[in-house]
Structures are given as C-alpha cells and as structure tokens.
Protein backbone atom coordinates (compact mmCIF):
# COMPACT_ATOMS: atom_id res chain seq x y z
CA UNK A 1 28.21 -10.30 -44.50
CA UNK A 2 26.01 -7.27 -44.06
CA UNK A 3 23.71 -7.06 -41.06
CA UNK A 4 20.53 -5.45 -42.35
CA UNK A 5 17.80 -5.30 -39.71
CA UNK A 6 19.55 -8.15 -37.90
CA UNK A 7 19.43 -10.61 -40.86
CA UNK A 8 22.17 -12.54 -42.65
CA UNK A 9 23.29 -11.42 -46.13
CA UNK A 10 25.88 -13.70 -47.77
CA UNK A 11 26.56 -11.22 -50.59
CA UNK A 12 28.81 -9.12 -48.38
CA UNK A 13 30.58 -11.22 -45.76
CA UNK A 14 31.80 -9.45 -42.62
CA UNK A 15 32.72 -11.96 -39.91
CA UNK A 16 33.62 -9.33 -37.31
CA UNK A 17 30.31 -7.52 -37.66
CA UNK A 18 28.42 -10.80 -37.47
CA UNK A 19 30.32 -11.86 -34.34
CA UNK A 20 29.59 -8.52 -32.67
CA UNK A 21 25.89 -8.81 -33.44
CA UNK A 22 25.75 -12.35 -32.03
CA UNK A 23 27.52 -11.20 -28.87
CA UNK A 24 25.11 -8.28 -28.41
CA UNK A 25 22.12 -10.56 -28.88
CA UNK A 26 23.42 -13.10 -26.38
CA UNK A 27 24.20 -10.44 -23.78
CA UNK A 28 20.75 -8.92 -24.22
CA UNK A 29 18.96 -12.25 -24.23
CA UNK A 30 20.45 -13.31 -20.90
CA UNK A 31 20.34 -9.90 -19.23
CA UNK A 32 18.34 -9.19 -16.08
CA UNK A 33 16.20 -6.20 -15.14
CA UNK A 34 17.30 -5.40 -11.58
CA UNK A 35 15.22 -2.32 -10.80
CA UNK A 36 12.36 -0.27 -12.20
CA UNK A 37 10.52 2.90 -11.22
CA UNK A 38 7.63 4.85 -12.68
CA UNK A 39 8.13 8.38 -13.99
CA UNK A 40 4.69 9.93 -13.77
CA UNK A 41 3.26 12.60 -16.04
CA UNK A 42 3.18 14.92 -13.01
CA UNK A 43 6.92 14.51 -12.52
CA UNK A 44 7.46 15.19 -16.20
CA UNK A 45 5.32 18.31 -15.80
CA UNK A 46 7.60 19.43 -12.97
CA UNK A 47 10.46 19.31 -15.44
CA UNK A 48 8.33 21.17 -17.99
CA UNK A 49 9.53 24.46 -16.55
CA UNK A 50 12.89 23.65 -18.13
CA UNK A 51 11.95 21.64 -21.22
CA UNK A 52 8.90 20.90 -23.31
CA UNK A 53 7.81 17.40 -22.27
CA UNK A 54 6.18 16.49 -25.58
CA UNK A 55 8.02 13.43 -26.90
CA UNK A 56 8.29 13.09 -30.69
CA UNK A 57 5.12 15.12 -31.13
CA UNK A 58 3.22 13.15 -28.46
CA UNK A 59 1.93 14.70 -25.23
CA UNK A 60 3.67 13.92 -21.95
CA UNK A 61 2.73 10.53 -20.56
CA UNK A 62 3.67 8.11 -17.82
CA UNK A 63 6.96 6.29 -18.36
CA UNK A 64 8.86 3.40 -16.84
CA UNK A 65 12.58 3.54 -16.11
CA UNK A 66 14.59 0.33 -15.74
CA UNK A 67 18.17 -0.66 -14.94
CA UNK A 68 19.73 -3.95 -15.98
CA UNK A 69 22.72 -6.24 -15.76
CA UNK A 70 24.29 -4.67 -18.86
CA UNK A 71 24.67 -1.39 -16.98
CA UNK A 72 22.06 0.50 -19.02
CA UNK A 73 19.14 2.65 -17.97
CA UNK A 74 16.14 2.43 -20.30
CA UNK A 75 13.09 4.64 -20.49
CA UNK A 76 9.84 3.13 -21.82
CA UNK A 77 6.55 4.83 -22.57
CA UNK A 78 3.73 2.94 -20.86
CA UNK A 79 1.51 3.51 -23.87
CA UNK A 80 4.05 1.71 -26.08
CA UNK A 81 4.30 -1.24 -23.71
CA UNK A 82 0.50 -1.54 -23.63
CA UNK A 83 0.02 -1.15 -27.39
CA UNK A 84 2.74 -3.63 -28.35
CA UNK A 85 1.47 -6.25 -25.91
CA UNK A 86 -2.15 -5.75 -26.99
CA UNK A 87 -1.20 -6.13 -30.65
CA UNK A 88 0.79 -9.29 -29.91
CA UNK A 89 -2.13 -10.74 -27.93
CA UNK A 90 -4.55 -9.96 -30.77
CA UNK A 91 -2.22 -11.71 -33.23
CA UNK A 92 -1.97 -14.72 -30.88
CA UNK A 93 1.82 -14.40 -30.73
CA UNK A 94 3.47 -17.20 -28.71
CA UNK A 95 5.71 -14.79 -26.77
CA UNK A 96 5.83 -11.24 -25.46
CA UNK A 97 6.60 -8.48 -27.98
CA UNK A 98 10.15 -7.30 -28.48
CA UNK A 99 11.39 -4.76 -25.96
CA UNK A 100 11.81 -1.29 -27.46
CA UNK A 101 12.49 1.85 -25.48
CA UNK A 102 12.35 5.51 -26.38
CA UNK A 103 15.76 6.15 -24.82
CA UNK A 104 18.58 4.17 -23.22
CA UNK A 105 22.12 4.94 -22.17
CA UNK A 106 25.06 3.19 -20.53
CA UNK A 107 25.12 4.33 -16.91
CA UNK A 108 27.68 1.97 -15.35
CA UNK A 109 30.52 -0.35 -16.25
CA UNK A 110 28.96 -3.54 -14.99
CA UNK A 111 25.45 -4.14 -13.72
CA UNK A 112 23.17 -1.29 -12.59
CA UNK A 113 21.57 -2.73 -9.47
CA UNK A 114 19.32 0.00 -8.10
CA UNK A 115 17.30 3.10 -8.98
CA UNK A 116 15.85 6.01 -7.03
CA UNK A 117 14.16 9.34 -7.66
CA UNK A 118 14.64 12.56 -5.70
CA UNK A 119 13.27 16.09 -5.96
CA UNK A 120 15.71 18.97 -5.62
CA UNK A 121 13.93 22.30 -6.00
CA UNK A 122 12.31 22.28 -9.43
CA UNK A 123 14.46 19.37 -10.61
CA UNK A 124 13.55 15.69 -10.51
CA UNK A 125 16.71 13.61 -10.29
CA UNK A 126 17.12 10.02 -11.50
CA UNK A 127 19.76 8.21 -9.45
CA UNK A 128 21.36 4.84 -10.10
CA UNK A 129 23.98 2.68 -8.40
CA UNK A 130 26.11 0.06 -10.06
CA UNK A 131 28.76 -2.59 -9.88
CA UNK A 132 31.48 -0.04 -10.63
CA UNK A 133 30.97 1.59 -7.22
CA UNK A 134 29.52 4.83 -8.59
CA UNK A 135 26.32 6.65 -7.78
CA UNK A 136 25.25 8.64 -10.83
CA UNK A 137 22.37 11.04 -11.31
CA UNK A 138 20.60 12.73 -14.21
CA UNK A 139 18.09 15.55 -14.31
CA UNK A 140 14.76 14.38 -15.67
CA UNK A 141 14.61 17.53 -17.80
CA UNK A 142 17.86 16.53 -19.52
CA UNK A 143 16.60 12.99 -20.10
CA UNK A 144 13.32 14.22 -21.60
CA UNK A 145 15.23 16.64 -23.80
CA UNK A 146 17.31 13.73 -25.04
CA UNK A 147 14.18 11.66 -25.74
CA UNK A 148 13.08 14.29 -28.25
CA UNK A 149 16.21 13.75 -30.36
CA UNK A 150 16.05 10.09 -31.61
CA UNK A 151 13.86 10.93 -34.60
CA UNK A 152 16.36 13.49 -35.89
CA UNK A 153 19.28 11.14 -35.23
CA UNK A 154 17.47 8.30 -36.98
CA UNK A 155 16.92 10.38 -40.11
CA UNK A 156 20.62 11.24 -40.26
CA UNK A 157 21.61 7.57 -39.84
CA UNK A 158 19.13 6.34 -42.46
CA UNK A 159 20.54 8.81 -44.96
CA UNK A 160 24.05 7.42 -44.58
CA UNK A 161 23.53 4.23 -46.60
CA UNK A 162 22.61 0.64 -45.82
CA UNK A 163 26.07 -0.69 -44.99
CA UNK A 164 26.89 -2.22 -41.64
CA UNK A 165 28.27 0.09 -38.99
CA UNK A 166 30.42 -1.36 -36.24
CA UNK A 167 29.60 0.03 -32.80
CA UNK A 168 32.22 0.93 -30.22
CA UNK A 169 31.90 -0.43 -26.69
CA UNK A 170 29.49 1.69 -24.67
CA UNK A 171 30.81 3.79 -21.79
CA UNK A 172 28.83 5.43 -18.99
CA UNK A 173 26.98 8.47 -20.28
CA UNK A 174 26.67 7.18 -23.86
CA UNK A 175 23.08 6.82 -25.00
CA UNK A 176 21.51 4.24 -27.26
CA UNK A 177 18.57 5.15 -29.44
CA UNK A 178 15.60 2.87 -30.01
CA UNK A 179 16.85 -0.64 -30.84
CA UNK A 180 16.31 -2.11 -34.26
CA UNK A 181 15.17 -5.66 -34.87
CA UNK A 182 17.44 -8.39 -33.60
CA UNK A 183 18.89 -6.28 -30.81
CA UNK A 184 21.07 -3.94 -32.90
CA UNK A 185 21.22 -0.34 -31.74
CA UNK A 186 22.81 2.92 -32.77
CA UNK A 187 24.91 4.83 -30.25
CA UNK A 188 24.95 8.56 -29.79
CA UNK A 189 25.70 11.20 -27.15
CA UNK A 190 23.47 10.76 -24.11
CA UNK A 191 22.18 12.99 -21.32
CA UNK A 192 25.00 14.40 -19.22
CA UNK A 193 25.15 13.13 -15.65
CA UNK A 194 24.80 15.86 -13.03
CA UNK A 195 26.09 13.57 -10.27
CA UNK A 196 28.92 11.04 -10.31
CA UNK A 197 30.35 9.96 -6.95
CA UNK A 198 32.47 6.92 -6.22
CA UNK A 199 31.87 5.54 -2.76
CA UNK A 200 34.82 5.04 -0.39
CA UNK A 201 35.66 1.59 0.88
CA UNK A 202 34.43 0.84 4.39
CA UNK A 203 36.76 -0.91 6.80
CA UNK A 204 35.57 -4.48 7.07
CA UNK A 205 34.45 -5.66 10.47
CA UNK A 206 36.51 -8.79 9.80
CA UNK A 207 39.63 -6.66 9.12
CA UNK A 208 39.92 -8.10 5.61
CA UNK A 209 40.57 -6.17 2.41
CA UNK A 210 37.96 -6.30 -0.30
CA UNK A 211 37.39 -5.28 -3.89
CA UNK A 212 36.04 -1.77 -4.58
CA UNK A 213 32.48 -1.85 -3.25
CA UNK A 214 29.50 -2.15 -5.57
CA UNK A 215 26.42 -0.01 -4.93
CA UNK A 216 23.51 -2.39 -4.29
CA UNK A 217 20.81 -0.34 -2.52
CA UNK A 218 19.53 3.25 -2.56
CA UNK A 219 17.00 5.21 -0.50
CA UNK A 220 16.18 8.91 -0.71
CA UNK A 221 15.43 11.31 2.13
CA UNK A 222 15.92 14.83 3.47
CA UNK A 223 18.82 15.94 5.63
CA UNK A 224 18.56 18.05 8.75
CA UNK A 225 19.32 21.15 6.71
CA UNK A 226 16.46 20.44 4.30
CA UNK A 227 18.78 19.33 1.50
CA UNK A 228 17.85 16.18 -0.44
CA UNK A 229 20.09 13.25 0.37
CA UNK A 230 20.43 9.68 -0.84
CA UNK A 231 21.46 6.80 1.39
CA UNK A 232 23.67 4.18 -0.23
CA UNK A 233 24.33 0.56 0.73
CA UNK A 234 27.41 -1.18 -0.64
CA UNK A 235 28.73 -4.68 -1.12
CA UNK A 236 31.38 -4.22 1.60
CA UNK A 237 28.70 -3.57 4.24
CA UNK A 238 29.16 0.19 4.28
CA UNK A 239 26.25 2.63 4.54
CA UNK A 240 26.83 6.14 3.21
CA UNK A 241 24.91 9.38 2.80
CA UNK A 242 25.28 11.68 -0.22
CA UNK A 243 24.19 15.30 -0.26
CA UNK A 244 22.57 15.78 -3.66
CA UNK A 245 22.93 19.55 -3.48
CA UNK A 246 26.72 19.43 -3.24
CA UNK A 247 27.31 15.98 -4.74
CA UNK A 248 29.54 14.78 -1.92
CA UNK A 249 29.64 12.09 0.76
CA UNK A 250 28.30 13.64 3.96
CA UNK A 251 28.63 10.70 6.30
CA UNK A 252 29.89 7.11 6.20
CA UNK A 253 28.95 4.39 8.63
CA UNK A 254 32.41 2.98 9.13
CA UNK A 255 32.25 -0.82 9.31
CA UNK A 256 28.45 -0.96 9.02
CA UNK A 257 27.29 -4.50 8.25
CA UNK A 258 29.61 -7.48 8.27
CA UNK A 259 28.51 -8.44 4.72
CA UNK A 260 26.90 -6.78 1.71
CA UNK A 261 23.89 -4.48 2.08
CA UNK A 262 21.08 -5.85 -0.09
CA UNK A 263 18.12 -3.62 0.81
CA UNK A 264 17.28 -0.35 2.50
CA UNK A 265 14.34 1.93 3.12
CA UNK A 266 13.99 5.35 4.74
CA UNK A 267 10.95 6.58 6.69
CA UNK A 268 10.95 10.37 6.48
CA UNK A 269 8.62 11.34 9.38
CA UNK A 270 10.69 9.36 11.91
CA UNK A 271 14.08 9.89 10.20
CA UNK A 272 14.69 6.16 10.49
CA UNK A 273 16.80 4.25 7.97
CA UNK A 274 16.58 0.45 7.84
CA UNK A 275 19.20 -1.68 6.09
CA UNK A 276 19.18 -5.43 5.42
CA UNK A 277 22.27 -7.45 4.68
CA UNK A 278 23.75 -10.78 3.71
CA UNK A 279 24.95 -11.03 7.31
CA UNK A 280 21.39 -11.90 8.37
CA UNK A 281 20.73 -8.72 10.35
CA UNK A 282 18.60 -5.61 10.01
CA UNK A 283 20.16 -2.39 11.28
CA UNK A 284 18.19 0.72 12.19
CA UNK A 285 19.88 4.11 11.83
CA UNK A 286 18.85 7.51 13.17
CA UNK A 287 19.61 9.92 10.34
CA UNK A 288 19.21 12.93 12.67
CA UNK A 289 22.29 12.02 14.73
CA UNK A 290 25.92 11.41 14.00
CA UNK A 291 28.78 13.59 12.75
CA UNK A 292 27.00 14.46 9.51
CA UNK A 293 23.81 15.75 11.11
CA UNK A 294 25.08 19.28 11.39
CA UNK A 295 26.38 19.49 7.82
CA UNK A 296 23.24 19.28 5.77
CA UNK A 297 22.12 15.74 6.58
CA UNK A 298 24.20 12.81 7.78
CA UNK A 299 24.11 9.09 7.53
CA UNK A 300 23.42 8.92 11.26
CA UNK A 301 24.43 6.21 13.68
CA UNK A 302 23.24 2.66 14.14
CA UNK A 303 20.80 2.54 17.04
CA UNK A 304 19.60 -1.07 16.82
CA UNK A 305 20.67 -4.39 15.35
CA UNK A 306 17.96 -7.03 14.83
CA UNK A 307 18.80 -10.73 14.62
CA UNK A 308 16.36 -12.02 12.00
CA UNK A 309 16.71 -15.65 13.10
CA UNK A 310 16.33 -15.09 16.85
CA UNK A 311 13.66 -12.42 16.35
CA UNK A 312 15.16 -9.96 18.82
CA UNK A 313 17.67 -7.15 19.24
CA UNK A 314 21.33 -8.07 19.68
CA UNK A 315 24.53 -6.12 20.34
CA UNK A 316 25.96 -4.49 17.26
CA UNK A 317 29.40 -6.07 17.27
CA UNK A 318 31.52 -8.93 18.51
CA UNK A 319 30.50 -12.56 18.59
CA UNK A 320 26.77 -11.84 18.25
CA UNK A 321 27.27 -10.12 14.89
CA UNK A 322 29.43 -12.98 13.61
CA UNK A 323 26.92 -15.56 14.79
CA UNK A 324 24.24 -13.87 12.65
CA UNK A 325 26.23 -14.76 9.54
CA UNK A 326 24.55 -18.17 9.71
CA UNK A 327 21.13 -16.52 9.22
CA UNK A 328 19.43 -16.34 5.81
CA UNK A 329 20.17 -13.03 4.05
CA UNK A 330 17.74 -10.12 4.29
CA UNK A 331 16.93 -9.60 0.62
CA UNK A 332 14.25 -6.88 0.82
CA UNK A 333 12.52 -4.69 3.41
CA UNK A 334 9.98 -1.87 3.61
CA UNK A 335 8.48 0.32 6.34
CA UNK A 336 4.77 0.19 7.03
CA UNK A 337 3.29 3.69 6.37
CA UNK A 338 3.20 4.67 10.07
CA UNK A 339 6.85 3.74 10.56
CA UNK A 340 6.06 1.57 13.60
CA UNK A 341 6.39 -1.71 11.74
CA UNK A 342 9.01 -3.11 9.38
CA UNK A 343 8.37 -5.87 6.83
CA UNK A 344 11.31 -8.00 5.69
CA UNK A 345 11.95 -10.71 3.12
CA UNK A 346 14.54 -13.39 3.81
CA UNK A 347 16.31 -15.52 1.25
CA UNK A 348 16.57 -19.27 1.22
CA UNK A 349 18.36 -20.80 4.18
CA UNK A 350 18.97 -24.51 3.88
CA UNK A 351 15.91 -25.23 1.72
CA UNK A 352 14.58 -23.81 -1.51
CA UNK A 353 12.07 -21.36 -0.04
CA UNK A 354 12.31 -18.16 1.95
CA UNK A 355 10.25 -16.31 4.53
CA UNK A 356 8.63 -12.99 5.38
CA UNK A 357 8.70 -11.32 8.78
CA UNK A 358 7.01 -8.37 10.48
CA UNK A 359 8.82 -6.43 13.21
CA UNK A 360 7.47 -4.20 15.98
CA UNK A 361 10.08 -1.45 16.02
CA UNK A 362 8.90 -0.02 19.34
CA UNK A 363 9.69 -3.30 21.10
CA UNK A 364 12.48 -4.33 18.69
CA UNK A 365 10.93 -7.78 18.38
CA UNK A 366 9.58 -9.93 15.60
CA UNK A 367 5.78 -10.07 15.71
CA UNK A 368 5.15 -12.58 12.94
CA UNK A 369 7.00 -14.76 10.46
CA UNK A 370 5.58 -16.80 7.59
CA UNK A 371 7.35 -19.15 5.21
CA UNK A 372 7.12 -18.82 1.44
CA UNK A 373 7.67 -21.23 -1.42
CA UNK A 374 10.07 -18.75 -3.05
CA UNK A 375 12.95 -16.51 -2.05
CA UNK A 376 11.60 -12.93 -1.81
CA UNK A 377 13.62 -10.48 -3.91
CA UNK A 378 11.49 -7.30 -3.93
CA UNK A 379 8.46 -5.97 -2.08
CA UNK A 380 6.16 -2.94 -2.09
CA UNK A 381 3.91 -1.87 0.78
CA UNK A 382 0.50 -0.44 -0.09
CA UNK A 383 -2.15 0.96 2.30
CA UNK A 384 -3.97 -2.38 2.55
CA UNK A 385 -1.56 -5.02 1.25
CA UNK A 386 2.02 -6.08 0.67
CA UNK A 387 3.20 -7.08 -2.82
CA UNK A 388 6.08 -9.57 -2.96
CA UNK A 389 7.98 -11.06 -5.91
CA UNK A 390 10.94 -13.38 -6.02
CA UNK A 391 12.40 -16.56 -7.40
CA UNK A 392 9.15 -17.93 -8.84
CA UNK A 393 6.99 -16.54 -11.68
CA UNK A 394 4.24 -15.06 -9.51
CA UNK A 395 3.19 -11.84 -7.78
CA UNK A 396 2.03 -12.61 -4.23
CA UNK A 397 -0.31 -10.33 -2.31
CA UNK A 398 -0.33 -10.43 1.50
CA UNK A 399 -2.25 -8.43 4.07
CA UNK A 400 -0.29 -5.95 6.19
CA UNK A 401 -0.32 -8.58 8.94
CA UNK A 402 1.31 -11.05 6.49
CA UNK A 403 -1.82 -13.16 6.27
CA UNK A 404 -2.08 -15.05 3.01
CA UNK A 405 -1.03 -14.80 0.32
CA UNK A 406 -4.56 -13.82 -0.60
CA UNK A 407 -3.62 -13.94 -4.30
CA UNK A 408 -0.78 -15.34 -6.38
CA UNK A 409 -0.92 -13.88 -9.87
CA UNK A 410 1.14 -15.79 -12.47
CA UNK A 411 3.87 -13.96 -14.37
CA UNK A 412 5.83 -14.79 -17.51
CA UNK A 413 9.11 -13.77 -15.85
CA UNK A 414 10.78 -16.81 -14.28
CA UNK A 415 12.59 -14.87 -11.55
CA UNK A 416 11.66 -11.30 -10.62
CA UNK A 417 14.03 -8.71 -9.14
CA UNK A 418 12.32 -5.40 -9.98
CA UNK A 419 8.99 -4.18 -8.60
CA UNK A 420 7.30 -0.78 -8.47
CA UNK A 421 3.76 0.54 -8.03
CA UNK A 422 2.40 3.61 -9.81
CA UNK A 423 1.57 6.19 -7.11
CA UNK A 424 -1.78 7.26 -8.59
CA UNK A 425 -3.18 4.47 -10.77
CA UNK A 426 -1.88 1.58 -8.67
CA UNK A 427 -0.47 -0.16 -11.76
CA UNK A 428 2.32 -2.64 -11.01
CA UNK A 429 5.54 -3.07 -13.00
CA UNK A 430 7.80 -6.10 -12.59
CA UNK A 431 11.02 -7.09 -14.32
CA UNK A 432 13.57 -9.85 -14.12
CA UNK A 433 15.56 -12.41 -16.04
CA UNK A 434 15.50 -12.52 -19.82
CA UNK A 435 15.20 -8.71 -20.11
CA UNK A 436 11.53 -9.19 -19.29
CA UNK A 437 9.06 -6.44 -18.31
CA UNK A 438 5.41 -6.85 -17.34
CA UNK A 439 2.67 -4.35 -16.52
CA UNK A 440 -0.35 -5.27 -14.41
CA UNK A 441 -3.38 -3.27 -13.36
CA UNK A 442 -4.04 -2.63 -9.67
CA UNK A 443 -6.40 -5.63 -9.79
CA UNK A 444 -3.73 -7.95 -11.19
CA UNK A 445 -4.75 -8.14 -14.86
CA UNK A 446 -1.82 -8.03 -17.28
CA UNK A 447 -2.04 -4.92 -19.44
CA UNK A 448 1.36 -4.70 -21.12
CA UNK A 449 4.90 -5.95 -21.27
CA UNK A 450 7.95 -6.65 -23.36
CA UNK A 451 10.79 -9.14 -23.64
CA UNK A 452 13.87 -9.60 -25.80
CA UNK A 453 13.03 -11.41 -29.04
CA UNK A 454 15.74 -13.33 -30.89
CA UNK A 455 15.82 -15.49 -34.02
CA UNK A 456 17.02 -18.29 -31.72
CA UNK A 457 13.75 -18.25 -29.74
C-alpha cells in the first residue's frame, strides 16, 4: 500500500507504512496542547538584527508557539489560523480546520509541559520544559531562519517521486515541516538548541527516592547581577534557577515542596517568586536572597508557606506541611500587577468542581475564595479582569476581586490547559485536548483556530 496524501492505495501494499501512519494519526488525534505563547511582530523585529524575518516571502507577522503531549513545539502564523477558520466557517464545515503550522520540531522525549520567553541582549529565547527533565532553549532568530526553509525542502521532497517514505522516530532537535493531509509529515534538521540543561533531583521531604523529575512549570526573571534567569518547578517538588547567560543551575531549593510543582509566577519589581504544588500549598520565595544571590541570580529561599485550605501562613516543614497534602492541588497562580495580591486556582477536592482564591501577601492571609463549576487549569491576569480556563469548554472572566464570572464564553475545546493573551491587541489563545487551538478577540469573539482532522472523524 502506498500512502499518498494520507489515502489508501491497494495497488502497492505496504503494511508497515500503513501501520506507522495509523499510529501517527492516533497519537496526534489524542494529543493535548499544554502551553502556548504569542510571538509578536515586535519580538520578531528584535531578532531581525540577526536574520531577515520575512517568512516565505511574507512580511513578519504575529505568531503563536505551542507545546504538546507529543513533545513537539509548533509555530503557527496567526494569519493562517484566522484565514483557515474563516474559510471553514464560510463553507459551513462541521468542524474546525485541520491544524497546519509553519514549523515544528521535537523538543523533548515525552510531553512538553511548559513554555516561556526571555530576552538576553538582542536575542529572544524560547524556553521549554518537558517530561524528560530537560530545560531547552532556542534563539528566536534561529527559529525564524528555519521557518524560511520549508519551501526549499518541500521542492526537494516533491522531486523525489511519489513513493511512500518511512519516517524515523523523532528525537529532540529534529524539526518537522508543514504537515500534509492526514497527519503525515516530513522530517528534517531543525533549529539547534542553544540551551539544554537536565535538572538535578531534589531530596524528597519524605525521604523517598523518585523517578528523574519532569519539568512542569517555568517563570522568567532577572538575577541580582542583571543576567536573565529562568525559574523551574519540577515533579519532585524541587524549585531551581537557571542562569541563561551561562546555561547552568545557579541555585536549587533543596526539598522545596512535598509534591510536584504545578504552577509558578515571578513578580520582577518585588523579586518575589510564587510556586503552587500538588501538596496544597503556595510557597513564596525571595529571589534576592540565598546562596545563589551573589552569583548572577539565585533561586532564593522560601520565606512563606501558605495553607490554601486554612487560608493562612503555616510553618514550612514538619507535620503542618504533611497535613496540607489533604488540600486540593494548586493548579495555577498569577500575581496581580502591583505584586501585593496573588490569585490562585485550586483543583477538584472531593467534588467535581474547583475554586479560585485571592491572597493578601502583606498579611499572608486569604482575602476571598469562590467556588467554580470546573477545575481551573490556567489563568491570565489583565489590568481589569482575570481570565480562567479549565476542565470545561468555556473561558471565564472574573473581576480582579474574583467577582463573577461576568462572562463565560463557550469554547470548542473540551478541556483547556493552555492560555495566553497578546500583549498589544489583547487577543486570547487557548489550547487543550484533541490538539485543539482557538483564537478569540479581546471581546471574546472567536476569530480563528485549528484542530486535528482525521478520516475517522
């Protein structure tokens, strides 16, 4: 059998090729978008000092970067997502258009859980963390340079004949050009990673050995020496700090949380790092103190531990920390712009819903808590509102005082893990199960999107 554009051809039977294509389609169909972030035209222009940002003859434009459960990073042009969705809506298609990206590459062996961006001099760095325990980074200039190459690679591949080509298993750093119909894709050399660091294992507070830690949360900041740093939360409860200038671990937290770190955020003006965990606590860290502070930016020390069930500060270790394990996990958190307040999302406890809480950091007390019909999985804080997504197909908008939700905008994605807001236009991007992506305007109107399309659908 020959696989031509993802279709069956009985004139040339190749069982192995057919089995590989079915496996790829199934993996893609049931994949999950875990994180997304906008790459603005201004950030592309910053990289223009190194590379021409015109992509395949088109001027530089806003893009969307995603990471997924396959371990790939994918770069989409917003204009493509809008045009494909608009064309599908005009044709009254029953489902979202097929996802197609201008560039993708295998970043991790296992799922890629988190994304971050950092500026180092004239370079914009794209940073990802994955299930393999690595933090990897790429220069945006190198990624944009690679985006310019698919057309030339496609012409070479099209000239090689119409026979089926078996693809080797992807490894980190191997890129995938724009997918063909049915989920097939052609592999080629990808952008070289400028950063690849495997995080050390933190000693468990329960004195138990664990598997190599997965990287599940990232937050960027600036060290005391002015160097860009990235804070990393791992599945073993450890919190680490990487110096992006030297590509090394500056400071580790030691035991850190009792369970996996699920969320973190850094407030630059106050040098405060907040981490949320499966152990039901929020820990606040002072990134200006600790052994790493004098070496270009350290991870700091834990200054407060907040019990999310009791709504107050508790001692950092001993029986109090173990008692917090009964609390619902802290699945997402964000600082309010002033840094005086912290907003948290809590997963389902005994029931099916979750909750949101607002904390006064000056008093280390919970000021407000509201229940939700869903388990929050991602949030974004805007000047006048809080956007929350989770285990139901809706985008909820709350006031900064957690009044509401004032609006619940329906989504096609059944469960949402990824959320980002464009810094200038206010456009919202969400992603989740089924390899689904959706774009909404700042007012909540859907303007674009994509999903995996299979013959089985």
